[in-house]
Amino acid sequence: MKSVVVIALLLGSAAPAFADSATSFHDGRWAMAIGEGRTEGTAASLVLAARAEMFIAAYQTADKARALALVAAAEKDLDAALAKAPTDPNVQIQKAIAIGYRAKLTRSPGLAKDTRKRMDAVRAAHPEMALAWAALGGWHGGAVATLGSFTAGLVLGAHASEVDPFFIKAIKLDPANPVHRSYYAITLLDLDKNNAAKAATLLQGIGQMPAHDAFDALARAQGVQLAASLKTGDAAAAQALARRLAAFGTIG
């Protein structure tokens, strides 16, 4: 929550006279982005509405039922976006992420498999899309961290060995994006506190990376916070922080 407050202060809280969903999303006014995105009704604006809903669910909600309701609303908006732009990779990957969120909240193997299938399809069709690679790295790491190596591999085909290749490719494609580095570090620590040194290396200089919107700013702030924790040398504390910073980390 501190990171969210800092972002709001940095970006400013005054709404422009003629706001639209893109401006509201950029500034971190999530509720406005949702309403405006639906009103505008384009595929791009509906994606922003859905992303805002998923942000609130993942980082500003402590109640699982409310988080699930927000994710369901995001999926509805993404379905509407898909109806308008069925081949748009950004719409497709956000739909996969939303399903992945629902899978995480409900611990559904079927939904987790569907998530991976969709992410793989986007990555194969659009290998230049960094987000698709990072999403798959997070999918493998999250599954193993949640279920353990044996069960994740047996039930879902998820493997910790896939985390590095996917995230490294994402960073190669989009090296100045703080989101990929922060989420990579969080995933590594979620898997094993002994990944602390690798995570610290990843996060070097993250505070100087550009943030194109409030979502990027949150990821950057998380990376800075995690890097500071890692500098203390307490790997267990850094792991606990990483798990709190992860999506739905505030839900018990």
Protein backbone atom coordinates (compact mmCIF):
# COMPACT_ATOMS: atom_id res chain seq x y z
CA MET A 1 0.00 0.00 0.00
CA LYS A 2 2.89 2.41 0.69
CA SER A 3 4.09 1.93 -2.89
CA VAL A 4 0.65 2.80 -4.23
CA VAL A 5 0.51 5.99 -2.13
CA VAL A 6 3.96 7.02 -3.31
CA ILE A 7 2.93 6.50 -6.93
CA ALA A 8 -0.16 8.64 -6.49
CA LEU A 9 1.91 11.45 -5.01
CA LEU A 10 4.49 11.24 -7.77
CA LEU A 11 1.98 11.21 -10.57
CA GLY A 12 -0.33 13.82 -9.06
CA SER A 13 -3.91 13.47 -7.98
CA ALA A 14 -5.62 16.24 -9.93
CA ALA A 15 -7.74 14.90 -12.78
CA PRO A 16 -7.37 16.62 -16.17
CA ALA A 17 -10.37 18.56 -17.45
CA PHE A 18 -11.00 16.09 -20.24
CA ALA A 19 -9.83 12.72 -18.95
CA ASP A 20 -9.92 9.53 -20.96
CA SER A 21 -9.16 5.94 -20.03
CA ALA A 22 -5.56 6.12 -21.22
CA THR A 23 -4.86 9.25 -19.18
CA SER A 24 -6.59 7.86 -16.11
CA PHE A 25 -4.70 4.57 -16.36
CA HIS A 26 -1.42 6.40 -16.85
CA ASP A 27 -2.06 8.44 -13.71
CA GLY A 28 -3.20 5.50 -11.61
CA ARG A 29 -6.83 6.57 -11.27
CA TRP A 30 -8.04 3.02 -11.59
CA ALA A 31 -11.76 3.50 -10.93
CA MET A 32 -11.92 6.27 -13.52
CA ALA A 33 -10.04 4.16 -16.04
CA ILE A 34 -12.61 1.40 -15.60
CA GLY A 35 -15.61 3.62 -16.17
CA GLU A 36 -14.05 5.57 -19.02
CA GLY A 37 -12.75 2.42 -20.67
CA ARG A 38 -16.20 0.92 -20.80
CA THR A 39 -17.79 4.16 -21.97
CA GLU A 40 -15.30 4.59 -24.80
CA GLY A 41 -15.92 0.98 -25.75
CA THR A 42 -12.89 0.37 -27.97
CA ALA A 43 -10.79 -2.77 -27.69
CA ALA A 44 -7.88 -0.73 -26.33
CA SER A 45 -10.00 1.12 -23.75
CA LEU A 46 -11.66 -2.10 -22.60
CA VAL A 47 -8.21 -3.61 -22.05
CA LEU A 48 -7.30 -0.63 -19.88
CA ALA A 49 -10.52 -1.07 -17.90
CA ALA A 50 -9.69 -4.73 -17.38
CA ARG A 51 -6.09 -4.01 -16.40
CA ALA A 52 -7.30 -1.45 -13.86
CA GLU A 53 -9.69 -4.01 -12.39
CA MET A 54 -6.94 -6.60 -12.19
CA PHE A 55 -4.62 -4.07 -10.54
CA ILE A 56 -7.16 -3.33 -7.82
CA ALA A 57 -7.78 -7.06 -7.35
CA ALA A 58 -4.12 -8.01 -7.17
CA TYR A 59 -2.62 -5.10 -5.21
CA GLN A 60 -5.35 -3.21 -3.38
CA THR A 61 -7.67 -5.98 -2.19
CA ALA A 62 -7.35 -8.18 0.88
CA ASP A 63 -10.62 -10.08 0.43
CA LYS A 64 -10.58 -13.09 -1.90
CA ALA A 65 -14.26 -12.84 -2.84
CA ARG A 66 -13.84 -9.20 -3.88
CA ALA A 67 -10.68 -10.06 -5.81
CA LEU A 68 -12.50 -12.82 -7.69
CA ALA A 69 -15.36 -10.47 -8.51
CA LEU A 70 -12.94 -7.90 -9.90
CA VAL A 71 -11.15 -10.51 -11.98
CA ALA A 72 -14.49 -11.74 -13.31
CA ALA A 73 -15.37 -8.17 -14.31
CA ALA A 74 -11.99 -7.85 -16.02
CA GLU A 75 -12.61 -11.04 -17.96
CA LYS A 76 -15.99 -9.72 -19.08
CA ASP A 77 -14.36 -6.54 -20.37
CA LEU A 78 -11.64 -8.56 -22.09
CA ASP A 79 -14.24 -10.79 -23.74
CA ALA A 80 -15.85 -7.63 -25.09
CA ALA A 81 -12.45 -6.47 -26.32
CA LEU A 82 -11.81 -9.84 -27.97
CA ALA A 83 -15.13 -9.58 -29.78
CA LYS A 84 -13.88 -6.31 -31.30
CA ALA A 85 -10.28 -7.36 -31.89
CA PRO A 86 -9.97 -11.17 -31.74
CA THR A 87 -6.43 -11.27 -33.17
CA ASP A 88 -4.95 -8.43 -31.09
CA PRO A 89 -2.08 -9.99 -29.08
CA ASN A 90 -2.39 -7.44 -26.27
CA VAL A 91 -6.02 -8.36 -25.74
CA GLN A 92 -5.15 -12.06 -25.93
CA ILE A 93 -2.31 -11.89 -23.40
CA GLN A 94 -4.36 -9.84 -20.96
CA LYS A 95 -7.16 -12.41 -21.20
CA ALA A 96 -4.60 -15.13 -20.42
CA ILE A 97 -3.32 -13.14 -17.43
CA ALA A 98 -6.87 -12.69 -16.13
CA ILE A 99 -7.51 -16.42 -16.35
CA GLY A 100 -4.20 -16.98 -14.60
CA TYR A 101 -5.30 -14.71 -11.79
CA ARG A 102 -8.52 -16.69 -11.43
CA ALA A 103 -6.52 -19.92 -11.47
CA LYS A 104 -4.29 -18.61 -8.69
CA LEU A 105 -7.21 -17.50 -6.54
CA THR A 106 -9.16 -20.74 -7.00
CA ARG A 107 -6.17 -23.10 -7.29
CA SER A 108 -7.70 -24.59 -10.42
CA PRO A 109 -5.40 -26.87 -12.47
CA GLY A 110 -7.73 -26.61 -15.45
CA LEU A 111 -7.60 -22.83 -15.49
CA ALA A 112 -3.82 -22.91 -15.00
CA LYS A 113 -3.44 -25.15 -18.04
CA ASP A 114 -5.71 -22.88 -20.06
CA THR A 115 -3.59 -19.92 -19.02
CA ARG A 116 -0.39 -21.52 -20.23
CA LYS A 117 -1.96 -22.64 -23.51
CA ARG A 118 -3.10 -19.10 -24.26
CA MET A 119 0.24 -17.55 -23.28
CA ASP A 120 2.13 -20.07 -25.40
CA ALA A 121 -0.09 -19.29 -28.38
CA VAL A 122 0.55 -15.55 -28.11
CA ARG A 123 4.29 -16.06 -27.68
CA ALA A 124 4.48 -18.37 -30.69
CA ALA A 125 2.53 -15.97 -32.91
CA HIS A 126 4.30 -12.85 -31.58
CA PRO A 127 7.81 -13.81 -30.45
CA GLU A 128 8.74 -10.12 -30.27
CA MET A 129 6.23 -9.54 -27.44
CA ALA A 130 8.23 -9.28 -24.21
CA LEU A 131 5.16 -9.52 -21.99
CA ALA A 132 4.26 -12.96 -23.37
CA TRP A 133 7.70 -14.31 -22.43
CA ALA A 134 7.62 -12.72 -18.97
CA ALA A 135 4.10 -14.00 -18.34
CA LEU A 136 5.20 -17.55 -19.09
CA GLY A 137 8.21 -17.20 -16.80
CA GLY A 138 5.88 -16.06 -14.05
CA TRP A 139 3.46 -18.89 -14.80
CA HIS A 140 6.15 -21.57 -14.38
CA GLY A 141 7.61 -19.96 -11.26
CA GLY A 142 4.26 -19.34 -9.63
CA ALA A 143 3.08 -22.88 -10.25
CA VAL A 144 6.21 -24.43 -8.78
CA ALA A 145 6.25 -22.07 -5.79
CA THR A 146 2.62 -22.88 -5.05
CA LEU A 147 2.52 -26.62 -5.68
CA GLY A 148 6.12 -27.74 -5.31
CA SER A 149 8.35 -29.06 -8.08
CA PHE A 150 6.96 -32.58 -8.28
CA THR A 151 3.25 -31.75 -8.28
CA ALA A 152 3.63 -28.71 -10.54
CA GLY A 153 5.56 -30.77 -13.05
CA LEU A 154 3.23 -33.76 -12.89
CA VAL A 155 -0.08 -31.91 -12.95
CA LEU A 156 0.70 -28.78 -14.96
CA GLY A 157 3.98 -29.38 -16.75
CA ALA A 158 5.49 -26.42 -14.91
CA HIS A 159 9.22 -26.37 -14.22
CA ALA A 160 11.48 -24.00 -12.30
CA SER A 161 14.10 -24.44 -15.04
CA GLU A 162 11.83 -22.51 -17.42
CA VAL A 163 11.78 -19.35 -15.31
CA ASP A 164 15.19 -18.01 -16.31
CA PRO A 165 14.92 -18.53 -20.10
CA PHE A 166 11.53 -16.85 -20.36
CA PHE A 167 12.36 -13.84 -18.21
CA ILE A 168 15.80 -13.41 -19.78
CA LYS A 169 14.18 -13.31 -23.21
CA ALA A 170 11.65 -10.72 -21.99
CA ILE A 171 14.43 -8.51 -20.64
CA LYS A 172 16.41 -8.88 -23.87
CA LEU A 173 13.37 -7.72 -25.85
CA ASP A 174 12.52 -4.86 -23.45
CA PRO A 175 15.63 -4.14 -21.38
CA ALA A 176 14.57 -0.82 -19.85
CA ASN A 177 11.20 -2.03 -18.57
CA PRO A 178 11.22 -2.24 -14.75
CA VAL A 179 8.21 -4.59 -14.73
CA HIS A 180 10.08 -7.60 -16.08
CA ARG A 181 13.03 -7.22 -13.73
CA SER A 182 10.89 -6.66 -10.66
CA TYR A 183 8.58 -9.60 -11.36
CA TYR A 184 11.54 -11.81 -12.25
CA ALA A 185 13.17 -11.02 -8.90
CA ILE A 186 9.89 -11.59 -7.03
CA THR A 187 9.43 -14.93 -8.79
CA LEU A 188 12.98 -16.05 -8.01
CA LEU A 189 12.62 -15.25 -4.33
CA ASP A 190 9.19 -16.86 -4.16
CA LEU A 191 10.80 -20.04 -5.46
CA ASP A 192 13.84 -20.05 -3.16
CA LYS A 193 15.40 -17.55 -0.77
CA ASN A 194 18.78 -18.80 -2.02
CA ASN A 195 18.07 -16.86 -5.21
CA ALA A 196 18.71 -13.66 -3.25
CA ALA A 197 22.03 -12.84 -4.93
CA LYS A 198 20.58 -13.33 -8.41
CA ALA A 199 17.58 -11.19 -7.54
CA ALA A 200 19.81 -8.42 -6.19
CA THR A 201 21.80 -8.36 -9.42
CA LEU A 202 18.62 -8.12 -11.47
CA LEU A 203 17.40 -5.15 -9.47
CA GLN A 204 20.55 -3.04 -9.78
CA GLY A 205 19.62 0.35 -11.18
CA ILE A 206 15.90 -0.37 -11.32
CA GLY A 207 15.12 2.95 -9.65
CA GLN A 208 16.49 4.79 -12.70
CA MET A 209 14.39 2.87 -15.22
CA PRO A 210 11.53 4.74 -16.92
CA ALA A 211 7.93 4.22 -15.85
CA HIS A 212 5.47 4.83 -18.68
CA ASP A 213 2.39 4.61 -16.47
CA ALA A 214 1.28 3.95 -12.91
CA PHE A 215 1.54 0.19 -13.34
CA ASP A 216 5.20 0.49 -14.36
CA ALA A 217 5.73 2.86 -11.46
CA LEU A 218 4.38 0.29 -9.01
CA ALA A 219 6.69 -2.40 -10.38
CA ARG A 220 9.65 -0.04 -10.17
CA ALA A 221 8.77 0.94 -6.59
CA GLN A 222 8.47 -2.73 -5.67
CA GLY A 223 11.86 -3.42 -7.21
CA VAL A 224 13.47 -0.57 -5.27
CA GLN A 225 11.85 -1.78 -2.04
CA LEU A 226 12.97 -5.35 -2.64
CA ALA A 227 16.52 -4.28 -3.57
CA ALA A 228 16.78 -2.37 -0.29
CA SER A 229 15.66 -5.44 1.64
CA LEU A 230 18.18 -7.63 -0.15
CA LYS A 231 21.00 -5.27 0.77
CA THR A 232 20.46 -6.10 4.45
CA GLY A 233 21.58 -9.65 3.75
CA ASP A 234 18.49 -11.22 5.31
CA ALA A 235 17.33 -13.54 2.52
CA ALA A 236 14.38 -14.87 4.51
CA ALA A 237 13.06 -11.35 5.09
CA ALA A 238 13.51 -10.51 1.41
CA GLN A 239 11.59 -13.64 0.44
CA ALA A 240 8.75 -12.74 2.78
CA LEU A 241 8.63 -9.24 1.30
CA ALA A 242 8.63 -10.60 -2.26
CA ARG A 243 5.65 -12.77 -1.44
CA ARG A 244 3.76 -9.80 0.00
CA LEU A 245 4.55 -7.70 -3.06
CA ALA A 246 3.37 -10.37 -5.50
CA ALA A 247 -0.10 -10.28 -6.99
CA PHE A 248 -2.64 -11.19 -4.26
CA GLY A 249 0.13 -11.11 -1.68
CA THR A 250 -2.19 -9.34 0.75
CA ILE A 251 -4.83 -12.06 0.59
CA GLY A 252 -4.50 -14.65 3.33
